[in-house]
């Protein structure tokens, strides 16, 4: 008999590492939403694809690429389908995307058009982070090319992109707090965003390896592995 097991996705791994409340607060603090008049998910997907863009299923949401580096999620939020962007995304490109989408679909989609060139993120000198495991954090920093890395107990200090960063973990197992001295908050935000992607990947990889280890200990045979559109992994296991 064969069964399929869907290994944890990056987003779900983040929730596991941070806790649901902290994860949601982090997402909300860095997200800007634009409400649309899409009626349902089918309306979103059909309209976006007919305009020549992708609409990749992503755990109830849909992911669309404006170009290779700029992408966002369509999410049903407070009764409306909304386009969710990061506060550091280029709103000039976002406006151009919606002009093109509305022109090709011959309909008004946005309730309120983006106004600013960019939405400046509000960043204090101490930030919550998604990092909960020191070794994974160190691995991510190493991959990213961090310099002058110093470890003292649970705490980690380093220099990335010319930015001095100090990661402090109040209690083992909780998420780290990040302090920095850089005045350019956008540079800090962009650096953190890239680090987050690396850490997500490390969490997902560790979870995947743990699932495989548990299956091996129970003498289950993995017949097939498939990477899905949302970057989760489906394992087909013989039991």
Foldseek 3Di string as FASTA:
>chain_A
DKDKDWFDFLLVLLCVQAPVVRSVVVLVLFKDKFFWPQPDPVSVQVLQVLLPWHFFDAPQWTKTALDPVDIWIFHQDPNTTITIHTQADFLVSVQVVQVSSCVSSVHGITPDRDDDRGRDRDDDQKAWASDQDQVLLVVLCVVQPWAPWDDDPSKIWTAHPNKTWIWDDPDHSHTTMIGTDDPPVSVVVVVRVVSSVSSSVVSSVVSVVVVVVVCVVVVKAFPDWDQGPNRIIMTMIDD
